[in-house]
Amino acid sequence: KLVASDFEFKNIEEAKNSPLANELYQFPFVKEIYISENYVSITKFDIVEWSDVTVEIRSFIKQFIADGNTVVTATETPKTTERNNVSTTETDLDDVSKQIIGILDEYIRPAVAADGGNIAFDSYNPETQVVNVILQGACSGCPSSTITLKNGIENMLKQLIPGKIEEVVAVNY
């Protein structure tokens, strides 16, 4: 296990408590870093192609971990994982929100994680029937994430919670 909870670093300043992220930001093409318990996802600037840097980055991360280096210091707190840092407990949520979270956790998060990303529930508005989610890691800003959001996630939620979902929107902070 790399870390106990997910971490997202949008820039080098946010990565000050992550030795791994700090080292990765030394590569000039690294734009954002997302570290989960069993993977590291990197978003790059368009100055290079993945085919030119994948082997180097993978080798670097593998060696960094193999050498026993610290990935994130214990004082670091996760930036955005669950529900936009609002200390909402499951009991504060309505039944539809709880259903949405259950579906995201069971069906959607594992598929998104396989592509190096994460999805977190942000909010549900019963009047407009709009679900807000946060896309992280490789999913944040990925061109195909909008298609996945609309054709995959939105359709699944509409089918599994009929009459309660009108739209799913990504709200990235």
Protein backbone atom coordinates (compact mmCIF):
# COMPACT_ATOMS: atom_id res chain seq x y z
CA LYS A 1 0.00 0.00 0.00
CA LEU A 2 1.51 3.32 -1.10
CA VAL A 3 -0.67 5.62 1.03
CA ALA A 4 -3.63 5.21 3.39
CA SER A 5 -5.82 7.69 1.50
CA ASP A 6 -5.77 9.45 -1.86
CA PHE A 7 -3.71 12.57 -2.52
CA GLU A 8 -3.95 15.00 -5.42
CA PHE A 9 -1.26 17.55 -6.17
CA LYS A 10 -2.08 20.23 -8.74
CA ASN A 11 1.38 21.84 -8.52
CA ILE A 12 4.75 21.59 -6.77
CA GLU A 13 3.68 23.91 -3.93
CA GLU A 14 0.90 21.48 -2.95
CA ALA A 15 3.41 18.62 -3.04
CA LYS A 16 5.71 19.94 -0.30
CA ASN A 17 4.85 17.05 2.07
CA SER A 18 5.24 14.35 -0.55
CA PRO A 19 8.84 13.39 -1.31
CA LEU A 20 7.65 11.29 -4.27
CA ALA A 21 5.56 14.08 -5.79
CA ASN A 22 8.39 16.57 -5.23
CA GLU A 23 10.79 14.31 -7.13
CA LEU A 24 8.25 13.75 -9.92
CA TYR A 25 7.80 17.51 -10.34
CA GLN A 26 11.50 17.67 -11.27
CA PHE A 27 10.47 16.19 -14.63
CA PRO A 28 9.54 19.27 -16.72
CA PHE A 29 6.52 17.60 -18.33
CA VAL A 30 4.71 16.67 -15.08
CA LYS A 31 1.57 18.76 -14.65
CA GLU A 32 -0.44 17.04 -11.88
CA ILE A 33 0.01 13.99 -9.65
CA TYR A 34 -2.57 11.75 -8.05
CA ILE A 35 -1.42 9.11 -5.55
CA SER A 36 -3.79 6.36 -4.46
CA GLU A 37 -3.18 3.33 -2.28
CA ASN A 38 -1.99 1.17 -5.17
CA TYR A 39 -1.06 3.49 -8.04
CA VAL A 40 0.42 6.83 -9.05
CA SER A 41 -1.28 8.76 -11.84
CA ILE A 42 0.48 11.59 -13.65
CA THR A 43 -1.00 14.22 -15.92
CA LYS A 44 1.58 15.67 -18.30
CA PHE A 45 1.98 18.83 -20.29
CA ASP A 46 1.82 18.38 -24.06
CA ILE A 47 5.55 19.06 -24.50
CA VAL A 48 6.24 15.31 -24.72
CA GLU A 49 4.45 12.18 -25.84
CA TRP A 50 3.72 9.38 -23.36
CA SER A 51 5.58 6.95 -25.60
CA ASP A 52 8.75 9.00 -25.01
CA VAL A 53 8.57 9.13 -21.19
CA THR A 54 6.52 6.17 -19.91
CA VAL A 55 9.45 3.81 -19.34
CA GLU A 56 11.50 6.51 -17.59
CA ILE A 57 8.64 7.55 -15.27
CA ARG A 58 7.66 3.97 -14.40
CA SER A 59 11.27 3.06 -13.67
CA PHE A 60 11.72 6.15 -11.52
CA ILE A 61 8.60 5.47 -9.42
CA LYS A 62 9.43 1.77 -9.08
CA GLN A 63 12.99 2.55 -7.91
CA PHE A 64 11.81 5.32 -5.54
CA ILE A 65 9.46 2.87 -3.80
CA ALA A 66 11.92 -0.04 -3.91
CA ASP A 67 14.52 2.15 -2.16
CA GLY A 68 12.09 2.56 0.76
CA ASN A 69 11.60 6.29 0.28
CA THR A 70 8.61 8.01 1.87
CA VAL A 71 5.74 8.62 -0.56
CA VAL A 72 3.83 11.14 1.60
CA THR A 73 4.77 12.33 5.09
CA ALA A 74 2.35 11.51 7.90
CA THR A 75 1.58 15.18 8.51
CA GLU A 76 0.03 15.57 5.06
CA THR A 77 -3.76 15.52 4.85
CA PRO A 78 -5.53 14.41 1.70
CA LYS A 79 -6.48 17.34 -0.48
CA THR A 80 -9.81 16.41 -1.99
CA THR A 81 -11.03 12.90 -1.78
CA GLU A 82 -14.36 12.42 -0.25
CA ARG A 83 -17.14 14.90 -0.76
CA ASN A 84 -15.22 18.10 -1.22
CA ASN A 85 -13.75 18.06 2.30
CA VAL A 86 -17.19 18.74 3.78
CA SER A 87 -17.47 16.75 6.97
CA THR A 88 -20.74 15.21 5.86
CA THR A 89 -21.53 11.93 7.46
CA GLU A 90 -23.60 9.28 5.71
CA THR A 91 -26.44 9.99 8.17
CA ASP A 92 -26.68 13.62 7.00
CA LEU A 93 -27.40 12.52 3.44
CA ASP A 94 -30.76 11.76 1.85
CA ASP A 95 -31.52 8.25 0.58
CA VAL A 96 -30.82 9.10 -3.08
CA SER A 97 -27.38 10.51 -2.17
CA LYS A 98 -26.60 7.33 -0.24
CA GLN A 99 -27.67 5.24 -3.25
CA ILE A 100 -25.48 7.34 -5.56
CA ILE A 101 -22.46 6.89 -3.26
CA GLY A 102 -23.07 3.15 -3.12
CA ILE A 103 -23.22 2.87 -6.92
CA LEU A 104 -20.11 5.04 -7.35
CA ASP A 105 -18.19 2.92 -4.81
CA GLU A 106 -19.29 -0.46 -6.12
CA TYR A 107 -19.46 -0.07 -9.89
CA ILE A 108 -17.78 3.12 -11.05
CA ARG A 109 -14.77 3.80 -8.81
CA PRO A 110 -13.04 0.45 -9.57
CA ALA A 111 -13.33 1.03 -13.34
CA VAL A 112 -12.10 4.62 -13.05
CA ALA A 113 -9.21 3.51 -10.80
CA ALA A 114 -8.15 1.00 -13.45
CA ASP A 115 -7.49 4.01 -15.70
CA GLY A 116 -5.52 5.89 -13.01
CA GLY A 117 -8.29 8.13 -11.75
CA ASN A 118 -10.87 8.55 -9.06
CA ILE A 119 -14.43 9.78 -8.78
CA ALA A 120 -15.90 11.23 -5.60
CA PHE A 121 -19.48 12.20 -4.77
CA ASP A 122 -19.85 15.95 -4.21
CA SER A 123 -23.58 16.64 -3.96
CA TYR A 124 -27.10 15.81 -5.15
CA ASN A 125 -29.89 18.35 -5.66
CA PRO A 126 -33.31 16.67 -5.34
CA GLU A 127 -35.11 19.60 -7.02
CA THR A 128 -33.00 19.67 -10.18
CA GLN A 129 -31.98 15.98 -9.88
CA VAL A 130 -28.39 16.95 -10.70
CA VAL A 131 -25.52 14.91 -9.29
CA ASN A 132 -22.17 16.68 -8.86
CA VAL A 133 -19.03 14.54 -8.84
CA ILE A 134 -15.33 15.32 -8.54
CA LEU A 135 -12.98 13.71 -11.07
CA GLN A 136 -9.40 13.21 -9.91
CA GLY A 137 -6.14 11.81 -11.19
CA ALA A 138 -6.05 10.80 -14.82
CA CYS A 139 -9.79 11.50 -15.13
CA SER A 140 -9.42 15.18 -14.32
CA GLY A 141 -9.24 16.98 -17.65
CA CYS A 142 -9.12 13.76 -19.69
CA PRO A 143 -10.88 14.35 -23.05
CA SER A 144 -12.80 11.08 -22.83
CA SER A 145 -13.93 11.70 -19.24
CA THR A 146 -16.89 13.78 -20.47
CA ILE A 147 -18.06 10.93 -22.69
CA THR A 148 -17.58 8.45 -19.84
CA LEU A 149 -19.44 10.77 -17.48
CA LYS A 150 -22.43 11.20 -19.80
CA ASN A 151 -22.64 7.81 -21.52
CA GLY A 152 -21.44 5.63 -18.67
CA ILE A 153 -21.97 7.12 -15.24
CA GLU A 154 -25.06 9.23 -15.97
CA ASN A 155 -26.80 6.37 -17.80
CA MET A 156 -25.98 3.88 -15.04
CA LEU A 157 -27.32 6.15 -12.31
CA LYS A 158 -30.48 6.86 -14.33
CA GLN A 159 -31.08 3.11 -14.76
CA LEU A 160 -30.32 2.13 -11.17
CA ILE A 161 -32.17 5.06 -9.57
CA PRO A 162 -35.08 5.62 -12.01
CA GLY A 163 -36.82 8.99 -11.99
CA LYS A 164 -34.33 10.60 -9.59
CA ILE A 165 -31.37 11.54 -11.84
CA GLU A 166 -31.53 14.13 -14.59
CA GLU A 167 -27.85 14.88 -15.10
CA VAL A 168 -24.35 14.14 -13.75
CA VAL A 169 -21.90 17.03 -13.76
CA ALA A 170 -18.16 17.08 -12.98
CA VAL A 171 -17.24 19.91 -10.66
CA ASN A 172 -13.48 20.13 -10.41
CA TYR A 173 -11.98 22.59 -7.98
